Amino acid sequence: MRDCEVIRERIGTWLDGELSAVESESVRAHVANCTDCGETQRRMEKMHLALKAALISQAPPIEFTHFWQAVEHRINEKRFWYQDLLDWSRGLFTAPRIAWAVPAVIALLLVLYSVDGWRLGGSRNSFASVESIDAYGRSVALLRENESKTTVIWLYQDQEGENETAEDTAKSAPTF
């Protein structure tokens, strides 16, 4: 009985000629010996003949000239470069590609922003550092600013009376 179920499932493909030679011979031999499967084969053949007759009778009124004219028009049509670009860009904006594009753009912006000298949306803050001050912290200072690669050396003199908070003017550094 199990063989009959398998054969009945294959009868349609056998009638269409879609089975291999070995499978086709197996189905043919079973249908020749089994009356139930033989009846199924005859019903399927009648159904195939009825469908084929219906298709043949309806085929002449179908107008294919418009279809073939449209095909010919598409073959001969000259496309501009921007039409090809639009077709290509439509494929870019599908959900999976956008999902990968957003982190990629963020990573690219982070890399570009971190490159020294790159300005994104204006100038960066200018930082300077004091490299050295003399022993008393009063008369010499070295200032280095990294952005412009500038080094400034300050030499200054503490004038009498300018620094009223100084406790001991005698201990002040020598003037230059």
C-alpha atoms as a PDB file:
ATOM      1  CA  MET A   1       0.000   0.000   0.000  1.00  0.00           C
ATOM      2  CA  ARG A   2       2.904   2.339   0.736  1.00  0.00           C
ATOM      3  CA  ASP A   3       4.234   1.739  -2.796  1.00  0.00           C
ATOM      4  CA  CYS A   4       0.892   2.838  -4.239  1.00  0.00           C
ATOM      5  CA  GLU A   5       1.039   6.176  -2.371  1.00  0.00           C
ATOM      6  CA  VAL A   6       4.535   6.895  -3.681  1.00  0.00           C
ATOM      7  CA  ILE A   7       3.568   5.898  -7.228  1.00  0.00           C
ATOM      8  CA  ARG A   8       0.387   8.048  -7.175  1.00  0.00           C
ATOM      9  CA  GLU A   9       2.482  11.050  -6.180  1.00  0.00           C
ATOM     10  CA  ARG A  10       4.796  10.398  -9.143  1.00  0.00           C
ATOM     11  CA  ILE A  11       2.180   9.713 -11.835  1.00  0.00           C
ATOM     12  CA  GLY A  12       1.811  13.420 -12.762  1.00  0.00           C
ATOM     13  CA  THR A  13       5.555  13.927 -13.170  1.00  0.00           C
ATOM     14  CA  TRP A  14       5.767  10.633 -15.070  1.00  0.00           C
ATOM     15  CA  LEU A  15       3.089  11.769 -17.533  1.00  0.00           C
ATOM     16  CA  ASP A  16       4.956  15.075 -17.988  1.00  0.00           C
ATOM     17  CA  GLY A  17       8.186  13.173 -18.724  1.00  0.00           C
ATOM     18  CA  GLU A  18      10.047  14.667 -15.774  1.00  0.00           C
ATOM     19  CA  LEU A  19      11.251  11.401 -14.191  1.00  0.00           C
ATOM     20  CA  SER A  20      14.562   9.705 -14.858  1.00  0.00           C
ATOM     21  CA  ALA A  21      14.576   6.545 -16.975  1.00  0.00           C
ATOM     22  CA  VAL A  22      14.829   4.242 -13.942  1.00  0.00           C
ATOM     23  CA  GLU A  23      12.015   5.991 -12.043  1.00  0.00           C
ATOM     24  CA  SER A  24       9.852   6.144 -15.161  1.00  0.00           C
ATOM     25  CA  GLU A  25      10.221   2.411 -15.739  1.00  0.00           C
ATOM     26  CA  SER A  26       9.390   1.717 -12.078  1.00  0.00           C
ATOM     27  CA  VAL A  27       6.167   3.779 -12.267  1.00  0.00           C
ATOM     28  CA  ARG A  28       5.176   2.220 -15.627  1.00  0.00           C
ATOM     29  CA  ALA A  29       5.657  -1.318 -14.314  1.00  0.00           C
ATOM     30  CA  HIS A  30       3.631  -0.597 -11.139  1.00  0.00           C
ATOM     31  CA  VAL A  31       0.766   1.084 -13.038  1.00  0.00           C
ATOM     32  CA  ALA A  32       0.579  -1.874 -15.435  1.00  0.00           C
ATOM     33  CA  ASN A  33       0.136  -4.325 -12.516  1.00  0.00           C
ATOM     34  CA  CYS A  34      -1.945  -2.235 -10.029  1.00  0.00           C
ATOM     35  CA  THR A  35      -5.591  -1.503 -11.000  1.00  0.00           C
ATOM     36  CA  ASP A  36      -6.004   1.407  -8.539  1.00  0.00           C
ATOM     37  CA  CYS A  37      -2.863   3.165  -9.767  1.00  0.00           C
ATOM     38  CA  GLY A  38      -3.862   2.390 -13.379  1.00  0.00           C
ATOM     39  CA  GLU A  39      -7.210   4.136 -12.771  1.00  0.00           C
ATOM     40  CA  THR A  40      -5.366   7.133 -11.286  1.00  0.00           C
ATOM     41  CA  GLN A  41      -3.176   7.230 -14.408  1.00  0.00           C
ATOM     42  CA  ARG A  42      -6.236   7.251 -16.727  1.00  0.00           C
ATOM     43  CA  ARG A  43      -7.888  10.102 -14.732  1.00  0.00           C
ATOM     44  CA  MET A  44      -4.684  12.127 -14.838  1.00  0.00           C
ATOM     45  CA  GLU A  45      -4.349  11.572 -18.595  1.00  0.00           C
ATOM     46  CA  LYS A  46      -7.961  12.776 -19.141  1.00  0.00           C
ATOM     47  CA  MET A  47      -7.270  15.845 -17.013  1.00  0.00           C
ATOM     48  CA  HIS A  48      -4.076  16.588 -18.984  1.00  0.00           C
ATOM     49  CA  LEU A  49      -5.930  16.267 -22.292  1.00  0.00           C
ATOM     50  CA  ALA A  50      -8.758  18.555 -21.103  1.00  0.00           C
ATOM     51  CA  LEU A  51      -6.314  21.214 -19.906  1.00  0.00           C
ATOM     52  CA  LYS A  52      -4.306  21.004 -23.113  1.00  0.00           C
ATOM     53  CA  ALA A  53      -7.457  21.386 -25.228  1.00  0.00           C
ATOM     54  CA  ALA A  54      -8.554  24.411 -23.160  1.00  0.00           C
ATOM     55  CA  LEU A  55      -5.182  26.074 -23.536  1.00  0.00           C
ATOM     56  CA  ILE A  56      -5.034  25.427 -27.264  1.00  0.00           C
ATOM     57  CA  SER A  57      -8.550  26.796 -27.799  1.00  0.00           C
ATOM     58  CA  GLN A  58      -7.752  29.981 -25.810  1.00  0.00           C
ATOM     59  CA  ALA A  59      -4.280  30.634 -27.228  1.00  0.00           C
ATOM     60  CA  PRO A  60      -5.211  32.225 -30.612  1.00  0.00           C
ATOM     61  CA  PRO A  61      -7.242  35.124 -29.133  1.00  0.00           C
ATOM     62  CA  ILE A  62      -4.356  36.138 -26.873  1.00  0.00           C
ATOM     63  CA  GLU A  63      -2.606  39.118 -28.435  1.00  0.00           C
ATOM     64  CA  PHE A  64       1.157  38.874 -28.096  1.00  0.00           C
ATOM     65  CA  THR A  65       2.082  41.722 -30.430  1.00  0.00           C
ATOM     66  CA  HIS A  66       1.896  44.339 -27.672  1.00  0.00           C
ATOM     67  CA  PHE A  67       4.089  42.166 -25.460  1.00  0.00           C
ATOM     68  CA  TRP A  68       6.726  41.680 -28.171  1.00  0.00           C
ATOM     69  CA  GLN A  69       6.672  45.390 -29.049  1.00  0.00           C
ATOM     70  CA  ALA A  70       7.374  46.247 -25.407  1.00  0.00           C
ATOM     71  CA  VAL A  71      10.226  43.714 -25.325  1.00  0.00           C
ATOM     72  CA  GLU A  72      11.726  45.183 -28.499  1.00  0.00           C
ATOM     73  CA  HIS A  73      11.376  48.713 -27.095  1.00  0.00           C
ATOM     74  CA  ARG A  74      13.261  47.765 -23.915  1.00  0.00           C
ATOM     75  CA  ILE A  75      16.024  46.126 -25.947  1.00  0.00           C
ATOM     76  CA  ASN A  76      16.471  49.165 -28.208  1.00  0.00           C
ATOM     77  CA  GLU A  77      15.989  51.764 -25.475  1.00  0.00           C
ATOM     78  CA  LYS A  78      18.988  53.958 -24.768  1.00  0.00           C
ATOM     79  CA  ARG A  79      19.458  54.548 -21.072  1.00  0.00           C
ATOM     80  CA  PHE A  80      21.157  57.581 -19.613  1.00  0.00           C
ATOM     81  CA  TRP A  81      23.894  57.208 -17.021  1.00  0.00           C
ATOM     82  CA  TYR A  82      21.762  58.670 -14.257  1.00  0.00           C
ATOM     83  CA  GLN A  83      19.074  56.029 -14.813  1.00  0.00           C
ATOM     84  CA  ASP A  84      21.664  53.312 -14.244  1.00  0.00           C
ATOM     85  CA  LEU A  85      22.876  55.173 -11.161  1.00  0.00           C
ATOM     86  CA  LEU A  86      19.329  55.375  -9.798  1.00  0.00           C
ATOM     87  CA  ASP A  87      18.788  51.656 -10.368  1.00  0.00           C
ATOM     88  CA  TRP A  88      22.071  50.894  -8.603  1.00  0.00           C
ATOM     89  CA  SER A  89      21.271  53.191  -5.675  1.00  0.00           C
ATOM     90  CA  ARG A  90      17.864  51.590  -5.129  1.00  0.00           C
ATOM     91  CA  GLY A  91      19.668  48.367  -4.333  1.00  0.00           C
ATOM     92  CA  LEU A  92      21.817  50.139  -1.742  1.00  0.00           C
ATOM     93  CA  PHE A  93      18.904  51.255   0.364  1.00  0.00           C
ATOM     94  CA  THR A  94      17.613  47.852   1.334  1.00  0.00           C
ATOM     95  CA  ALA A  95      17.302  47.095   5.047  1.00  0.00           C
ATOM     96  CA  PRO A  96      20.323  44.749   5.433  1.00  0.00           C
ATOM     97  CA  ARG A  97      22.667  47.136   3.633  1.00  0.00           C
ATOM     98  CA  ILE A  98      21.513  50.149   5.632  1.00  0.00           C
ATOM     99  CA  ALA A  99      21.995  48.180   8.843  1.00  0.00           C
ATOM    100  CA  TRP A 100      25.677  47.732   7.970  1.00  0.00           C
ATOM    101  CA  ALA A 101      26.105  51.224   6.526  1.00  0.00           C
ATOM    102  CA  VAL A 102      25.177  53.126   9.690  1.00  0.00           C
ATOM    103  CA  PRO A 103      27.968  51.662  11.894  1.00  0.00           C
ATOM    104  CA  ALA A 104      30.405  51.924   8.972  1.00  0.00           C
ATOM    105  CA  VAL A 105      29.669  55.642   8.548  1.00  0.00           C
ATOM    106  CA  ILE A 106      30.012  56.219  12.297  1.00  0.00           C
ATOM    107  CA  ALA A 107      33.372  54.415  12.351  1.00  0.00           C
ATOM    108  CA  LEU A 108      34.558  56.396   9.322  1.00  0.00           C
ATOM    109  CA  LEU A 109      33.589  59.691  10.961  1.00  0.00           C
ATOM    110  CA  LEU A 110      35.398  58.723  14.159  1.00  0.00           C
ATOM    111  CA  VAL A 111      38.545  57.885  12.205  1.00  0.00           C
ATOM    112  CA  LEU A 112      38.418  61.108  10.211  1.00  0.00           C
ATOM    113  CA  TYR A 113      37.777  63.194  13.315  1.00  0.00           C
ATOM    114  CA  SER A 114      40.655  61.613  15.194  1.00  0.00           C
ATOM    115  CA  VAL A 115      43.199  62.376  12.468  1.00  0.00           C
ATOM    116  CA  ASP A 116      45.347  65.292  13.601  1.00  0.00           C
ATOM    117  CA  GLY A 117      44.676  68.391  11.577  1.00  0.00           C
ATOM    118  CA  TRP A 118      41.190  67.345  10.486  1.00  0.00           C
ATOM    119  CA  ARG A 119      38.548  69.916  11.242  1.00  0.00           C
ATOM    120  CA  LEU A 120      34.984  68.707  11.602  1.00  0.00           C
ATOM    121  CA  GLY A 121      32.505  71.463  12.239  1.00  0.00           C
ATOM    122  CA  GLY A 122      34.973  74.148  13.246  1.00  0.00           C
ATOM    123  CA  SER A 123      38.306  74.438  14.979  1.00  0.00           C
ATOM    124  CA  ARG A 124      39.463  72.417  17.912  1.00  0.00           C
ATOM    125  CA  ASN A 125      40.453  73.898  21.218  1.00  0.00           C
ATOM    126  CA  SER A 126      43.996  75.122  21.270  1.00  0.00           C
ATOM    127  CA  PHE A 127      45.969  73.618  24.143  1.00  0.00           C
ATOM    128  CA  ALA A 128      49.279  74.911  25.404  1.00  0.00           C
ATOM    129  CA  SER A 129      51.514  73.536  28.086  1.00  0.00           C
ATOM    130  CA  VAL A 130      54.104  75.160  30.291  1.00  0.00           C
ATOM    131  CA  GLU A 131      57.306  73.194  29.904  1.00  0.00           C
ATOM    132  CA  SER A 132      59.473  74.839  32.539  1.00  0.00           C
ATOM    133  CA  ILE A 133      59.566  77.653  35.034  1.00  0.00           C
ATOM    134  CA  ASP A 134      62.622  78.958  36.793  1.00  0.00           C
ATOM    135  CA  ALA A 135      63.374  77.862  40.328  1.00  0.00           C
ATOM    136  CA  TYR A 136      61.393  80.659  41.944  1.00  0.00           C
ATOM    137  CA  GLY A 137      58.561  80.543  39.413  1.00  0.00           C
ATOM    138  CA  ARG A 138      58.780  84.255  38.814  1.00  0.00           C
ATOM    139  CA  SER A 139      60.948  85.294  35.909  1.00  0.00           C
ATOM    140  CA  VAL A 140      61.212  82.600  33.148  1.00  0.00           C
ATOM    141  CA  ALA A 141      58.530  80.442  31.574  1.00  0.00           C
ATOM    142  CA  LEU A 142      58.583  78.240  28.506  1.00  0.00           C
ATOM    143  CA  LEU A 143      55.225  77.778  26.796  1.00  0.00           C
ATOM    144  CA  ARG A 144      54.729  75.269  23.983  1.00  0.00           C
ATOM    145  CA  GLU A 145      51.547  75.197  21.908  1.00  0.00           C
ATOM    146  CA  ASN A 146      51.124  71.967  19.897  1.00  0.00           C
ATOM    147  CA  GLU A 147      48.632  73.032  17.256  1.00  0.00           C
ATOM    148  CA  SER A 148      50.776  75.752  15.702  1.00  0.00           C
ATOM    149  CA  LYS A 149      54.050  74.187  16.851  1.00  0.00           C
ATOM    150  CA  THR A 150      54.973  77.431  18.610  1.00  0.00           C
ATOM    151  CA  THR A 151      57.307  77.771  21.553  1.00  0.00           C
ATOM    152  CA  VAL A 152      57.302  80.975  23.566  1.00  0.00           C
ATOM    153  CA  ILE A 153      59.920  81.837  26.178  1.00  0.00           C
ATOM    154  CA  TRP A 154      58.788  84.475  28.636  1.00  0.00           C
ATOM    155  CA  LEU A 155      61.364  86.513  30.433  1.00  0.00           C
ATOM    156  CA  TYR A 156      59.863  89.033  32.753  1.00  0.00           C
ATOM    157  CA  GLN A 157      60.857  91.271  35.599  1.00  0.00           C
ATOM    158  CA  ASP A 158      58.943  91.742  38.779  1.00  0.00           C
ATOM    159  CA  GLN A 159      58.660  95.529  39.188  1.00  0.00           C
ATOM    160  CA  GLU A 160      58.732  96.948  42.651  1.00  0.00           C
ATOM    161  CA  GLY A 161      55.276  97.778  43.817  1.00  0.00           C
ATOM    162  CA  GLU A 162      53.543  95.627  41.193  1.00  0.00           C
ATOM    163  CA  ASN A 163      53.564  92.582  43.389  1.00  0.00           C
ATOM    164  CA  GLU A 164      52.202  93.891  46.643  1.00  0.00           C
ATOM    165  CA  THR A 165      51.495  90.430  47.962  1.00  0.00           C
ATOM    166  CA  ALA A 166      55.119  89.339  47.787  1.00  0.00           C
ATOM    167  CA  GLU A 167      56.452  88.781  51.287  1.00  0.00           C
ATOM    168  CA  ASP A 168      60.117  88.991  50.602  1.00  0.00           C
ATOM    169  CA  THR A 169      61.297  91.188  47.744  1.00  0.00           C
ATOM    170  CA  ALA A 170      64.923  90.522  48.633  1.00  0.00           C
ATOM    171  CA  LYS A 171      64.541  86.865  47.702  1.00  0.00           C
ATOM    172  CA  SER A 172      63.146  87.643  44.271  1.00  0.00           C
ATOM    173  CA  ALA A 173      65.032  86.412  41.259  1.00  0.00           C
ATOM    174  CA  PRO A 174      67.456  88.597  39.370  1.00  0.00           C
ATOM    175  CA  THR A 175      65.972  90.914  36.768  1.00  0.00           C
ATOM    176  CA  PHE A 176      66.764  90.677  33.076  1.00  0.00           C
END
